[in-house]
Amino acid sequence: MNTGPKAARDWAREHLETLDWTHSAPQTVNDVLLTVSELVTNAHVHAHSTARLVLTWDGQCLHVAVHDDDTALPAPRPPSHDRPGGRGMLLVDAVADHWEARSCPDGKSVTACFRPPATATDAR
């Protein structure tokens, strides 16, 4: 899906309903939607790019991937009172079971993984 943060969250919410997580794992759904919002926003604000969102369920983990046109990889930055924002990847790091960023010839992909609570580790 290629769109802005609100439309991306709405689209992701619809797809999460097919996993029945909206009833069985509402906090995980909230975490996924927060991550979608942060990653799509980062693509628009920092990469000055469209965001391509892909959700993939492999039976163990929901992979939330956002691709943009900038090859610069994101990194969590410490919060600062001197600048607004800058906390998106800290939030993703706090709520996802795992996340990674990879450079591609035409940009980068940032992927966060979420396990349903029954199989989630206490690694958070």
PDB file of N, CA and C in Angstrom:
ATOM      1  N   MET A   1       0.843  -1.177   0.000  1.00  0.00           N
ATOM      2  CA  MET A   1       0.000   0.000   0.000  1.00  0.00           C
ATOM      3  C   MET A   1       0.886   1.237   0.000  1.00  0.00           C
ATOM      4  N   ASN A   2       0.558   2.239  -0.777  1.00  0.00           N
ATOM      5  CA  ASN A   2       1.339   3.456  -0.949  1.00  0.00           C
ATOM      6  C   ASN A   2       0.466   4.634  -0.520  1.00  0.00           C
ATOM      7  N   THR A   3       0.675   5.173   0.726  1.00  0.00           N
ATOM      8  CA  THR A   3      -0.232   6.201   1.224  1.00  0.00           C
ATOM      9  C   THR A   3       0.308   6.899   2.455  1.00  0.00           C
ATOM     10  N   GLY A   4      -0.529   7.742   3.083  1.00  0.00           N
ATOM     11  CA  GLY A   4      -0.165   8.467   4.293  1.00  0.00           C
ATOM     12  C   GLY A   4      -0.459   7.681   5.557  1.00  0.00           C
ATOM     13  N   PRO A   5      -0.067   8.234   6.721  1.00  0.00           N
ATOM     14  CA  PRO A   5      -0.180   7.510   7.995  1.00  0.00           C
ATOM     15  C   PRO A   5      -1.600   7.062   8.366  1.00  0.00           C
ATOM     16  N   LYS A   6      -2.602   7.938   8.251  1.00  0.00           N
ATOM     17  CA  LYS A   6      -3.951   7.550   8.663  1.00  0.00           C
ATOM     18  C   LYS A   6      -4.507   6.443   7.779  1.00  0.00           C
ATOM     19  N   ALA A   7      -4.377   6.607   6.479  1.00  0.00           N
ATOM     20  CA  ALA A   7      -4.870   5.579   5.557  1.00  0.00           C
ATOM     21  C   ALA A   7      -4.119   4.269   5.775  1.00  0.00           C
ATOM     22  N   ALA A   8      -2.818   4.355   6.062  1.00  0.00           N
ATOM     23  CA  ALA A   8      -2.026   3.147   6.318  1.00  0.00           C
ATOM     24  C   ALA A   8      -2.510   2.441   7.581  1.00  0.00           C
ATOM     25  N   ARG A   9      -2.788   3.209   8.638  1.00  0.00           N
ATOM     26  CA  ARG A   9      -3.320   2.603   9.880  1.00  0.00           C
ATOM     27  C   ARG A   9      -4.663   1.942   9.624  1.00  0.00           C
ATOM     28  N   ASP A  10      -5.549   2.628   8.908  1.00  0.00           N
ATOM     29  CA  ASP A  10      -6.875   2.068   8.620  1.00  0.00           C
ATOM     30  C   ASP A  10      -6.759   0.773   7.825  1.00  0.00           C
ATOM     31  N   TRP A  11      -5.898   0.780   6.831  1.00  0.00           N
ATOM     32  CA  TRP A  11      -5.686  -0.413   6.000  1.00  0.00           C
ATOM     33  C   TRP A  11      -5.124  -1.551   6.846  1.00  0.00           C
ATOM     34  N   ALA A  12      -4.130  -1.233   7.685  1.00  0.00           N
ATOM     35  CA  ALA A  12      -3.522  -2.261   8.544  1.00  0.00           C
ATOM     36  C   ALA A  12      -4.555  -2.816   9.532  1.00  0.00           C
ATOM     37  N   ARG A  13      -5.391  -1.953  10.103  1.00  0.00           N
ATOM     38  CA  ARG A  13      -6.414  -2.407  11.049  1.00  0.00           C
ATOM     39  C   ARG A  13      -7.351  -3.422  10.383  1.00  0.00           C
ATOM     40  N   GLU A  14      -7.757  -3.134   9.164  1.00  0.00           N
ATOM     41  CA  GLU A  14      -8.623  -4.070   8.430  1.00  0.00           C
ATOM     42  C   GLU A  14      -7.960  -5.436   8.289  1.00  0.00           C
ATOM     43  N   HIS A  15      -6.682  -5.436   7.963  1.00  0.00           N
ATOM     44  CA  HIS A  15      -5.974  -6.706   7.770  1.00  0.00           C
ATOM     45  C   HIS A  15      -5.722  -7.425   9.089  1.00  0.00           C
ATOM     46  N   LEU A  16      -5.536  -6.672  10.169  1.00  0.00           N
ATOM     47  CA  LEU A  16      -5.353  -7.301  11.483  1.00  0.00           C
ATOM     48  C   LEU A  16      -6.620  -8.024  11.932  1.00  0.00           C
ATOM     49  N   GLU A  17      -7.769  -7.540  11.494  1.00  0.00           N
ATOM     50  CA  GLU A  17      -9.025  -8.211  11.837  1.00  0.00           C
ATOM     51  C   GLU A  17      -9.072  -9.625  11.271  1.00  0.00           C
ATOM     52  N   THR A  18      -8.388  -9.875  10.161  1.00  0.00           N
ATOM     53  CA  THR A  18      -8.376 -11.223   9.591  1.00  0.00           C
ATOM     54  C   THR A  18      -7.573 -12.189  10.461  1.00  0.00           C
ATOM     55  N   LEU A  19      -6.685 -11.651  11.298  1.00  0.00           N
ATOM     56  CA  LEU A  19      -5.922 -12.495  12.233  1.00  0.00           C
ATOM     57  C   LEU A  19      -6.657 -12.667  13.557  1.00  0.00           C
ATOM     58  N   ASP A  20      -7.765 -11.968  13.735  1.00  0.00           N
ATOM     59  CA  ASP A  20      -8.558 -11.979  14.966  1.00  0.00           C
ATOM     60  C   ASP A  20      -7.781 -11.416  16.156  1.00  0.00           C
ATOM     61  N   TRP A  21      -6.768 -10.611  15.886  1.00  0.00           N
ATOM     62  CA  TRP A  21      -6.003 -10.009  16.980  1.00  0.00           C
ATOM     63  C   TRP A  21      -6.749  -8.859  17.636  1.00  0.00           C
ATOM     64  N   THR A  22      -7.717  -8.266  16.913  1.00  0.00           N
ATOM     65  CA  THR A  22      -8.436  -7.143  17.502  1.00  0.00           C
ATOM     66  C   THR A  22      -9.176  -7.567  18.764  1.00  0.00           C
ATOM     67  N   HIS A  23      -9.555  -8.845  18.849  1.00  0.00           N
ATOM     68  CA  HIS A  23     -10.233  -9.351  20.048  1.00  0.00           C
ATOM     69  C   HIS A  23      -9.275 -10.063  20.992  1.00  0.00           C
ATOM     70  N   SER A  24      -8.361 -10.845  20.453  1.00  0.00           N
ATOM     71  CA  SER A  24      -7.488 -11.662  21.294  1.00  0.00           C
ATOM     72  C   SER A  24      -6.221 -10.935  21.744  1.00  0.00           C
ATOM     73  N   ALA A  25      -5.814  -9.902  21.029  1.00  0.00           N
ATOM     74  CA  ALA A  25      -4.554  -9.217  21.358  1.00  0.00           C
ATOM     75  C   ALA A  25      -4.664  -7.717  21.065  1.00  0.00           C
ATOM     76  N   PRO A  26      -5.590  -7.023  21.730  1.00  0.00           N
ATOM     77  CA  PRO A  26      -5.791  -5.604  21.396  1.00  0.00           C
ATOM     78  C   PRO A  26      -4.551  -4.738  21.628  1.00  0.00           C
ATOM     79  N   GLN A  27      -3.733  -5.054  22.634  1.00  0.00           N
ATOM     80  CA  GLN A  27      -2.534  -4.249  22.853  1.00  0.00           C
ATOM     81  C   GLN A  27      -1.531  -4.437  21.714  1.00  0.00           C
ATOM     82  N   THR A  28      -1.423  -5.664  21.213  1.00  0.00           N
ATOM     83  CA  THR A  28      -0.541  -5.909  20.074  1.00  0.00           C
ATOM     84  C   THR A  28      -1.041  -5.160  18.843  1.00  0.00           C
ATOM     85  N   VAL A  29      -2.353  -5.125  18.646  1.00  0.00           N
ATOM     86  CA  VAL A  29      -2.920  -4.360  17.531  1.00  0.00           C
ATOM     87  C   VAL A  29      -2.543  -2.888  17.669  1.00  0.00           C
ATOM     88  N   ASN A  30      -2.683  -2.342  18.880  1.00  0.00           N
ATOM     89  CA  ASN A  30      -2.310  -0.943  19.094  1.00  0.00           C
ATOM     90  C   ASN A  30      -0.829  -0.719  18.792  1.00  0.00           C
ATOM     91  N   ASP A  31       0.022  -1.663  19.210  1.00  0.00           N
ATOM     92  CA  ASP A  31       1.456  -1.555  18.951  1.00  0.00           C
ATOM     93  C   ASP A  31       1.761  -1.599  17.460  1.00  0.00           C
ATOM     94  N   VAL A  32       1.076  -2.482  16.740  1.00  0.00           N
ATOM     95  CA  VAL A  32       1.272  -2.570  15.288  1.00  0.00           C
ATOM     96  C   VAL A  32       0.839  -1.269  14.622  1.00  0.00           C
ATOM     97  N   LEU A  33      -0.313  -0.737  15.017  1.00  0.00           N
ATOM     98  CA  LEU A  33      -0.816   0.490  14.399  1.00  0.00           C
ATOM     99  C   LEU A  33       0.077   1.687  14.711  1.00  0.00           C
ATOM    100  N   LEU A  34       0.622   1.748  15.921  1.00  0.00           N
ATOM    101  CA  LEU A  34       1.585   2.795  16.264  1.00  0.00           C
ATOM    102  C   LEU A  34       2.821   2.679  15.372  1.00  0.00           C
ATOM    103  N   THR A  35       3.294   1.466  15.185  1.00  0.00           N
ATOM    104  CA  THR A  35       4.472   1.231  14.345  1.00  0.00           C
ATOM    105  C   THR A  35       4.203   1.618  12.896  1.00  0.00           C
ATOM    106  N   VAL A  36       3.062   1.231  12.372  1.00  0.00           N
ATOM    107  CA  VAL A  36       2.694   1.620  11.005  1.00  0.00           C
ATOM    108  C   VAL A  36       2.732   3.137  10.885  1.00  0.00           C
ATOM    109  N   SER A  37       2.118   3.814  11.831  1.00  0.00           N
ATOM    110  CA  SER A  37       2.076   5.272  11.795  1.00  0.00           C
ATOM    111  C   SER A  37       3.470   5.887  11.829  1.00  0.00           C
ATOM    112  N   GLU A  38       4.321   5.388  12.724  1.00  0.00           N
ATOM    113  CA  GLU A  38       5.676   5.931  12.857  1.00  0.00           C
ATOM    114  C   GLU A  38       6.520   5.673  11.609  1.00  0.00           C
ATOM    115  N   LEU A  39       6.467   4.459  11.077  1.00  0.00           N
ATOM    116  CA  LEU A  39       7.296   4.126   9.918  1.00  0.00           C
ATOM    117  C   LEU A  39       6.848   4.869   8.662  1.00  0.00           C
ATOM    118  N   VAL A  40       5.550   4.982   8.469  1.00  0.00           N
ATOM    119  CA  VAL A  40       5.043   5.711   7.302  1.00  0.00           C
ATOM    120  C   VAL A  40       5.356   7.201   7.443  1.00  0.00           C
ATOM    121  N   THR A  41       5.181   7.744   8.643  1.00  0.00           N
ATOM    122  CA  THR A  41       5.521   9.147   8.881  1.00  0.00           C
ATOM    123  C   THR A  41       7.001   9.397   8.623  1.00  0.00           C
ATOM    124  N   ASN A  42       7.859   8.499   9.108  1.00  0.00           N
ATOM    125  CA  ASN A  42       9.298   8.651   8.871  1.00  0.00           C
ATOM    126  C   ASN A  42       9.613   8.689   7.381  1.00  0.00           C
ATOM    127  N   ALA A  43       8.950   7.842   6.609  1.00  0.00           N
ATOM    128  CA  ALA A  43       9.203   7.826   5.163  1.00  0.00           C
ATOM    129  C   ALA A  43       8.853   9.174   4.541  1.00  0.00           C
ATOM    130  N   HIS A  44       7.755   9.753   4.971  1.00  0.00           N
ATOM    131  CA  HIS A  44       7.336  11.039   4.409  1.00  0.00           C
ATOM    132  C   HIS A  44       8.218  12.192   4.903  1.00  0.00           C
ATOM    133  N   VAL A  45       8.465  12.234   6.205  1.00  0.00           N
ATOM    134  CA  VAL A  45       9.154  13.378   6.802  1.00  0.00           C
ATOM    135  C   VAL A  45      10.662  13.332   6.591  1.00  0.00           C
ATOM    136  N   HIS A  46      11.277  12.182   6.871  1.00  0.00           N
ATOM    137  CA  HIS A  46      12.731  12.108   6.822  1.00  0.00           C
ATOM    138  C   HIS A  46      13.266  11.697   5.446  1.00  0.00           C
ATOM    139  N   ALA A  47      12.570  10.807   4.776  1.00  0.00           N
ATOM    140  CA  ALA A  47      13.035  10.348   3.470  1.00  0.00           C
ATOM    141  C   ALA A  47      12.457  11.184   2.328  1.00  0.00           C
ATOM    142  N   HIS A  48      11.460  12.050   2.647  1.00  0.00           N
ATOM    143  CA  HIS A  48      10.808  12.861   1.610  1.00  0.00           C
ATOM    144  C   HIS A  48      10.357  11.950   0.462  1.00  0.00           C
ATOM    145  N   SER A  49       9.698  10.874   0.852  1.00  0.00           N
ATOM    146  CA  SER A  49       9.372   9.808  -0.094  1.00  0.00           C
ATOM    147  C   SER A  49       7.966   9.291   0.178  1.00  0.00           C
ATOM    148  N   THR A  50       7.422   8.614  -0.807  1.00  0.00           N
ATOM    149  CA  THR A  50       6.214   7.855  -0.541  1.00  0.00           C
ATOM    150  C   THR A  50       6.604   6.649   0.309  1.00  0.00           C
ATOM    151  N   ALA A  51       5.637   6.093   0.982  1.00  0.00           N
ATOM    152  CA  ALA A  51       5.862   4.916   1.820  1.00  0.00           C
ATOM    153  C   ALA A  51       5.100   3.749   1.225  1.00  0.00           C
ATOM    154  N   ARG A  52       5.778   2.634   1.062  1.00  0.00           N
ATOM    155  CA  ARG A  52       5.125   1.417   0.590  1.00  0.00           C
ATOM    156  C   ARG A  52       5.057   0.455   1.766  1.00  0.00           C
ATOM    157  N   LEU A  53       3.843   0.172   2.203  1.00  0.00           N
ATOM    158  CA  LEU A  53       3.583  -0.653   3.381  1.00  0.00           C
ATOM    159  C   LEU A  53       3.181  -2.059   2.961  1.00  0.00           C
ATOM    160  N   VAL A  54       3.819  -3.053   3.596  1.00  0.00           N
ATOM    161  CA  VAL A  54       3.476  -4.454   3.356  1.00  0.00           C
ATOM    162  C   VAL A  54       3.347  -5.136   4.714  1.00  0.00           C
ATOM    163  N   LEU A  55       2.251  -5.863   4.914  1.00  0.00           N
ATOM    164  CA  LEU A  55       2.068  -6.696   6.105  1.00  0.00           C
ATOM    165  C   LEU A  55       2.165  -8.146   5.667  1.00  0.00           C
ATOM    166  N   THR A  56       2.971  -8.922   6.390  1.00  0.00           N
ATOM    167  CA  THR A  56       3.133 -10.332   6.066  1.00  0.00           C
ATOM    168  C   THR A  56       3.015 -11.145   7.342  1.00  0.00           C
ATOM    169  N   TRP A  57       2.123 -12.116   7.350  1.00  0.00           N
ATOM    170  CA  TRP A  57       1.957 -13.043   8.473  1.00  0.00           C
ATOM    171  C   TRP A  57       2.562 -14.370   8.045  1.00  0.00           C
ATOM    172  N   ASP A  58       3.585 -14.849   8.763  1.00  0.00           N
ATOM    173  CA  ASP A  58       4.232 -16.104   8.391  1.00  0.00           C
ATOM    174  C   ASP A  58       3.836 -17.261   9.302  1.00  0.00           C
ATOM    175  N   GLY A  59       2.796 -17.070  10.103  1.00  0.00           N
ATOM    176  CA  GLY A  59       2.341 -18.115  11.012  1.00  0.00           C
ATOM    177  C   GLY A  59       2.934 -17.992  12.407  1.00  0.00           C
ATOM    178  N   GLN A  60       3.998 -17.221  12.538  1.00  0.00           N
ATOM    179  CA  GLN A  60       4.625 -17.001  13.841  1.00  0.00           C
ATOM    180  C   GLN A  60       4.773 -15.531  14.164  1.00  0.00           C
ATOM    181  N   CYS A  61       4.968 -14.723  13.128  1.00  0.00           N
ATOM    182  CA  CYS A  61       5.269 -13.309  13.334  1.00  0.00           C
ATOM    183  C   CYS A  61       4.581 -12.476  12.254  1.00  0.00           C
ATOM    184  N   LEU A  62       4.033 -11.342  12.663  1.00  0.00           N
ATOM    185  CA  LEU A  62       3.513 -10.379  11.708  1.00  0.00           C
ATOM    186  C   LEU A  62       4.646  -9.405  11.386  1.00  0.00           C
ATOM    187  N   HIS A  63       5.017  -9.332  10.121  1.00  0.00           N
ATOM    188  CA  HIS A  63       6.081  -8.451   9.664  1.00  0.00           C
ATOM    189  C   HIS A  63       5.430  -7.193   9.085  1.00  0.00           C
ATOM    190  N   VAL A  64       5.769  -6.047   9.638  1.00  0.00           N
ATOM    191  CA  VAL A  64       5.285  -4.761   9.173  1.00  0.00           C
ATOM    192  C   VAL A  64       6.472  -4.102   8.477  1.00  0.00           C
ATOM    193  N   ALA A  65       6.427  -4.013   7.163  1.00  0.00           N
ATOM    194  CA  ALA A  65       7.548  -3.475   6.392  1.00  0.00           C
ATOM    195  C   ALA A  65       7.128  -2.202   5.669  1.00  0.00           C
ATOM    196  N   VAL A  66       7.988  -1.190   5.754  1.00  0.00           N
ATOM    197  CA  VAL A  66       7.779   0.053   5.021  1.00  0.00           C
ATOM    198  C   VAL A  66       9.035   0.330   4.209  1.00  0.00           C
ATOM    199  N   HIS A  67       8.834   0.536   2.927  1.00  0.00           N
ATOM    200  CA  HIS A  67       9.945   0.848   2.019  1.00  0.00           C
ATOM    201  C   HIS A  67       9.828   2.315   1.609  1.00  0.00           C
ATOM    202  N   ASP A  68      10.972   3.023   1.559  1.00  0.00           N
ATOM    203  CA  ASP A  68      10.995   4.385   1.034  1.00  0.00           C
ATOM    204  C   ASP A  68      12.212   4.548   0.133  1.00  0.00           C
ATOM    205  N   ASP A  69      12.366   5.749  -0.426  1.00  0.00           N
ATOM    206  CA  ASP A  69      13.391   5.979  -1.447  1.00  0.00           C
ATOM    207  C   ASP A  69      14.730   6.464  -0.914  1.00  0.00           C
ATOM    208  N   ASP A  70      14.882   6.601   0.405  1.00  0.00           N
ATOM    209  CA  ASP A  70      16.126   7.103   1.000  1.00  0.00           C
ATOM    210  C   ASP A  70      16.956   5.932   1.504  1.00  0.00           C
ATOM    211  N   THR A  71      18.245   5.919   1.204  1.00  0.00           N
ATOM    212  CA  THR A  71      19.100   4.814   1.642  1.00  0.00           C
ATOM    213  C   THR A  71      19.615   4.991   3.071  1.00  0.00           C
ATOM    214  N   ALA A  72      19.432   6.173   3.664  1.00  0.00           N
ATOM    215  CA  ALA A  72      19.891   6.396   5.042  1.00  0.00           C
ATOM    216  C   ALA A  72      19.061   5.556   6.007  1.00  0.00           C
ATOM    217  N   LEU A  73      19.746   4.755   6.818  1.00  0.00           N
ATOM    218  CA  LEU A  73      19.048   3.872   7.756  1.00  0.00           C
ATOM    219  C   LEU A  73      18.662   4.631   9.021  1.00  0.00           C
ATOM    220  N   PRO A  74      17.489   4.328   9.572  1.00  0.00           N
ATOM    221  CA  PRO A  74      17.065   4.996  10.796  1.00  0.00           C
ATOM    222  C   PRO A  74      17.773   4.397  12.006  1.00  0.00           C
ATOM    223  N   ALA A  75      17.851   5.195  13.053  1.00  0.00           N
ATOM    224  CA  ALA A  75      18.403   4.722  14.324  1.00  0.00           C
ATOM    225  C   ALA A  75      17.672   5.457  15.436  1.00  0.00           C
ATOM    226  N   PRO A  76      17.384   4.770  16.524  1.00  0.00           N
ATOM    227  CA  PRO A  76      16.755   5.473  17.649  1.00  0.00           C
ATOM    228  C   PRO A  76      17.683   6.581  18.136  1.00  0.00           C
ATOM    229  N   ARG A  77      17.110   7.767  18.347  1.00  0.00           N
ATOM    230  CA  ARG A  77      17.866   8.894  18.881  1.00  0.00           C
ATOM    231  C   ARG A  77      17.355   9.190  20.282  1.00  0.00           C
ATOM    232  N   PRO A  78      18.230   9.636  21.158  1.00  0.00           N
ATOM    233  CA  PRO A  78      17.749  10.006  22.481  1.00  0.00           C
ATOM    234  C   PRO A  78      16.795  11.198  22.384  1.00  0.00           C
ATOM    235  N   PRO A  79      15.760  11.216  23.211  1.00  0.00           N
ATOM    236  CA  PRO A  79      14.833  12.353  23.184  1.00  0.00           C
ATOM    237  C   PRO A  79      15.577  13.654  23.500  1.00  0.00           C
ATOM    238  N   SER A  80      15.080  14.744  22.939  1.00  0.00           N
ATOM    239  CA  SER A  80      15.692  16.047  23.160  1.00  0.00           C
ATOM    240  C   SER A  80      14.600  17.090  23.344  1.00  0.00           C
ATOM    241  N   HIS A  81      14.847  18.014  24.241  1.00  0.00           N
ATOM    242  CA  HIS A  81      13.923  19.140  24.407  1.00  0.00           C
ATOM    243  C   HIS A  81      14.198  20.217  23.370  1.00  0.00           C
ATOM    244  N   ASP A  82      15.312  20.092  22.643  1.00  0.00           N
ATOM    245  CA  ASP A  82      15.721  21.088  21.661  1.00  0.00           C
ATOM    246  C   ASP A  82      15.074  20.911  20.299  1.00  0.00           C
ATOM    247  N   ARG A  83      14.483  19.753  20.032  1.00  0.00           N
ATOM    248  CA  ARG A  83      13.870  19.525  18.730  1.00  0.00           C
ATOM    249  C   ARG A  83      12.590  18.701  18.910  1.00  0.00           C
ATOM    250  N   PRO A  84      11.580  19.020  18.116  1.00  0.00           N
ATOM    251  CA  PRO A  84      10.357  18.205  18.181  1.00  0.00           C
ATOM    252  C   PRO A  84      10.596  16.871  17.471  1.00  0.00           C
ATOM    253  N   GLY A  85       9.829  15.896  17.824  1.00  0.00           N
ATOM    254  CA  GLY A  85       9.932  14.599  17.164  1.00  0.00           C
ATOM    255  C   GLY A  85      11.195  13.863  17.546  1.00  0.00           C
ATOM    256  N   GLY A  86      11.575  12.917  16.690  1.00  0.00           N
ATOM    257  CA  GLY A  86      12.794  12.158  16.919  1.00  0.00           C
ATOM    258  C   GLY A  86      12.622  10.962  17.827  1.00  0.00           C
ATOM    259  N   ARG A  87      11.393  10.635  18.166  1.00  0.00           N
ATOM    260  CA  ARG A  87      11.154   9.526  19.082  1.00  0.00           C
ATOM    261  C   ARG A  87      10.529   8.315  18.408  1.00  0.00           C
ATOM    262  N   GLY A  88      10.284   8.403  17.102  1.00  0.00           N
ATOM    263  CA  GLY A  88       9.578   7.345  16.391  1.00  0.00           C
ATOM    264  C   GLY A  88      10.241   5.987  16.488  1.00  0.00           C
ATOM    265  N   MET A  89      11.533   5.917  16.226  1.00  0.00           N
ATOM    266  CA  MET A  89      12.210   4.620  16.272  1.00  0.00           C
ATOM    267  C   MET A  89      12.374   4.127  17.704  1.00  0.00           C
ATOM    268  N   LEU A  90      12.437   5.037  18.678  1.00  0.00           N
ATOM    269  CA  LEU A  90      12.431   4.604  20.085  1.00  0.00           C
ATOM    270  C   LEU A  90      11.112   3.920  20.419  1.00  0.00           C
ATOM    271  N   LEU A  91      10.018   4.476  19.900  1.00  0.00           N
ATOM    272  CA  LEU A  91       8.707   3.860  20.117  1.00  0.00           C
ATOM    273  C   LEU A  91       8.626   2.490  19.448  1.00  0.00           C
ATOM    274  N   VAL A  92       9.079   2.416  18.207  1.00  0.00           N
ATOM    275  CA  VAL A  92       9.070   1.131  17.490  1.00  0.00           C
ATOM    276  C   VAL A  92       9.917   0.116  18.252  1.00  0.00           C
ATOM    277  N   ASP A  93      11.081   0.529  18.704  1.00  0.00           N
ATOM    278  CA  ASP A  93      11.970  -0.351  19.455  1.00  0.00           C
ATOM    279  C   ASP A  93      11.297  -0.846  20.742  1.00  0.00           C
ATOM    280  N   ALA A  94      10.497   0.007  21.358  1.00  0.00           N
ATOM    281  CA  ALA A  94       9.835  -0.352  22.617  1.00  0.00           C
ATOM    282  C   ALA A  94       8.675  -1.324  22.428  1.00  0.00           C
ATOM    283  N   VAL A  95       7.958  -1.233  21.304  1.00  0.00           N
ATOM    284  CA  VAL A  95       6.741  -2.049  21.158  1.00  0.00           C
ATOM    285  C   VAL A  95       6.910  -3.283  20.285  1.00  0.00           C
ATOM    286  N   ALA A  96       7.864  -3.286  19.353  1.00  0.00           N
ATOM    287  CA  ALA A  96       8.041  -4.434  18.454  1.00  0.00           C
ATOM    288  C   ALA A  96       8.866  -5.516  19.149  1.00  0.00           C
ATOM    289  N   ASP A  97       8.630  -6.762  18.775  1.00  0.00           N
ATOM    290  CA  ASP A  97       9.457  -7.860  19.281  1.00  0.00           C
ATOM    291  C   ASP A  97      10.860  -7.781  18.688  1.00  0.00           C
ATOM    292  N   HIS A  98      10.940  -7.254  17.469  1.00  0.00           N
ATOM    293  CA  HIS A  98      12.225  -7.120  16.768  1.00  0.00           C
ATOM    294  C   HIS A  98      12.002  -6.143  15.628  1.00  0.00           C
ATOM    295  N   TRP A  99      13.043  -5.391  15.272  1.00  0.00           N
ATOM    296  CA  TRP A  99      12.960  -4.564  14.067  1.00  0.00           C
ATOM    297  C   TRP A  99      14.338  -4.483  13.435  1.00  0.00           C
ATOM    298  N   GLU A 100      14.333  -4.221  12.142  1.00  0.00           N
ATOM    299  CA  GLU A 100      15.586  -4.073  11.411  1.00  0.00           C
ATOM    300  C   GLU A 100      15.372  -3.153  10.220  1.00  0.00           C
ATOM    301  N   ALA A 101      16.455  -2.568   9.767  1.00  0.00           N
ATOM    302  CA  ALA A 101      16.430  -1.721   8.578  1.00  0.00           C
ATOM    303  C   ALA A 101      17.507  -2.215   7.628  1.00  0.00           C
ATOM    304  N   ARG A 102      17.151  -2.273   6.354  1.00  0.00           N
ATOM    305  CA  ARG A 102      18.091  -2.750   5.336  1.00  0.00           C
ATOM    306  C   ARG A 102      18.099  -1.803   4.153  1.00  0.00           C
ATOM    307  N   SER A 103      19.311  -1.496   3.707  1.00  0.00           N
ATOM    308  CA  SER A 103      19.451  -0.691   2.486  1.00  0.00           C
ATOM    309  C   SER A 103      19.121  -1.552   1.279  1.00  0.00           C
ATOM    310  N   CYS A 104      18.550  -0.921   0.290  1.00  0.00           N
ATOM    311  CA  CYS A 104      18.247  -1.557  -0.989  1.00  0.00           C
ATOM    312  C   CYS A 104      18.815  -0.631  -2.069  1.00  0.00           C
ATOM    313  N   PRO A 105      18.972  -1.121  -3.276  1.00  0.00           N
ATOM    314  CA  PRO A 105      19.493  -0.252  -4.335  1.00  0.00           C
ATOM    315  C   PRO A 105      18.639   1.001  -4.551  1.00  0.00           C
ATOM    316  N   ASP A 106      17.356   0.911  -4.284  1.00  0.00           N
ATOM    317  CA  ASP A 106      16.463   2.051  -4.528  1.00  0.00           C
ATOM    318  C   ASP A 106      15.892   2.646  -3.246  1.00  0.00           C
ATOM    319  N   GLY A 107      16.571   2.476  -2.111  1.00  0.00           N
ATOM    320  CA  GLY A 107      16.089   3.043  -0.854  1.00  0.00           C
ATOM    321  C   GLY A 107      16.383   2.136   0.317  1.00  0.00           C
ATOM    322  N   LYS A 108      15.393   1.998   1.177  1.00  0.00           N
ATOM    323  CA  LYS A 108      15.541   1.112   2.331  1.00  0.00           C
ATOM    324  C   LYS A 108      14.196   0.520   2.690  1.00  0.00           C
ATOM    325  N   SER A 109      14.246  -0.580   3.438  1.00  0.00           N
ATOM    326  CA  SER A 109      13.060  -1.178   4.036  1.00  0.00           C
ATOM    327  C   SER A 109      13.295  -1.276   5.527  1.00  0.00           C
ATOM    328  N   VAL A 110      12.298  -0.856   6.287  1.00  0.00           N
ATOM    329  CA  VAL A 110      12.312  -0.987   7.736  1.00  0.00           C
ATOM    330  C   VAL A 110      11.202  -1.966   8.080  1.00  0.00           C
ATOM    331  N   THR A 111      11.569  -3.028   8.800  1.00  0.00           N
ATOM    332  CA  THR A 111      10.613  -4.085   9.131  1.00  0.00           C
ATOM    333  C   THR A 111      10.581  -4.295  10.633  1.00  0.00           C
ATOM    334  N   ALA A 112       9.380  -4.296  11.174  1.00  0.00           N
ATOM    335  CA  ALA A 112       9.174  -4.596  12.593  1.00  0.00           C
ATOM    336  C   ALA A 112       8.345  -5.867  12.678  1.00  0.00           C
ATOM    337  N   CYS A 113       8.702  -6.738  13.617  1.00  0.00           N
ATOM    338  CA  CYS A 113       8.001  -8.021  13.762  1.00  0.00           C
ATOM    339  C   CYS A 113       7.241  -8.051  15.080  1.00  0.00           C
ATOM    340  N   PHE A 114       6.053  -8.626  15.018  1.00  0.00           N
ATOM    341  CA  PHE A 114       5.180  -8.760  16.185  1.00  0.00           C
ATOM    342  C   PHE A 114       4.685 -10.190  16.280  1.00  0.00           C
ATOM    343  N   ARG A 115       4.856 -10.790  17.439  1.00  0.00           N
ATOM    344  CA  ARG A 115       4.310 -12.122  17.703  1.00  0.00           C
ATOM    345  C   ARG A 115       3.027 -11.970  18.507  1.00  0.00           C
ATOM    346  N   PRO A 116       2.065 -12.832  18.279  1.00  0.00           N
ATOM    347  CA  PRO A 116       0.862 -12.768  19.120  1.00  0.00           C
ATOM    348  C   PRO A 116       1.246 -13.072  20.562  1.00  0.00           C
ATOM    349  N   PRO A 117       0.516 -12.540  21.534  1.00  0.00           N
ATOM    350  CA  PRO A 117       0.906 -12.699  22.941  1.00  0.00           C
ATOM    351  C   PRO A 117       1.158 -14.127  23.393  1.00  0.00           C
ATOM    352  N   ALA A 118       0.472 -15.102  22.855  1.00  0.00           N
ATOM    353  CA  ALA A 118       0.653 -16.488  23.301  1.00  0.00           C
ATOM    354  C   ALA A 118       2.064 -17.004  23.015  1.00  0.00           C
ATOM    355  N   THR A 119       2.744 -16.442  21.990  1.00  0.00           N
ATOM    356  CA  THR A 119       4.082 -16.899  21.636  1.00  0.00           C
ATOM    357  C   THR A 119       5.133 -15.817  21.795  1.00  0.00           C
ATOM    358  N   ALA A 120       4.728 -14.634  22.271  1.00  0.00           N
ATOM    359  CA  ALA A 120       5.695 -13.551  22.416  1.00  0.00           C
ATOM    360  C   ALA A 120       6.694 -13.871  23.512  1.00  0.00           C
ATOM    361  N   THR A 121       7.917 -13.464  23.295  1.00  0.00           N
ATOM    362  CA  THR A 121       8.940 -13.638  24.299  1.00  0.00           C
ATOM    363  C   THR A 121       8.913 -12.450  25.254  1.00  0.00           C
ATOM    364  N   ASP A 122       9.587 -12.576  26.348  1.00  0.00           N
ATOM    365  CA  ASP A 122       9.669 -11.470  27.292  1.00  0.00           C
ATOM    366  C   ASP A 122      10.848 -10.576  26.979  1.00  0.00           C
ATOM    367  N   ALA A 123      11.301 -10.587  25.731  1.00  0.00           N
ATOM    368  CA  ALA A 123      12.482  -9.826  25.334  1.00  0.00           C
ATOM    369  C   ALA A 123      12.212  -8.324  25.290  1.00  0.00           C
ATOM    370  N   ARG A 124      10.939  -7.950  25.288  1.00  0.00           N
ATOM    371  CA  ARG A 124      10.647  -6.517  25.237  1.00  0.00           C
ATOM    372  C   ARG A 124      11.147  -5.909  26.456  1.00  0.00           C
TER     373      ARG A 124
END
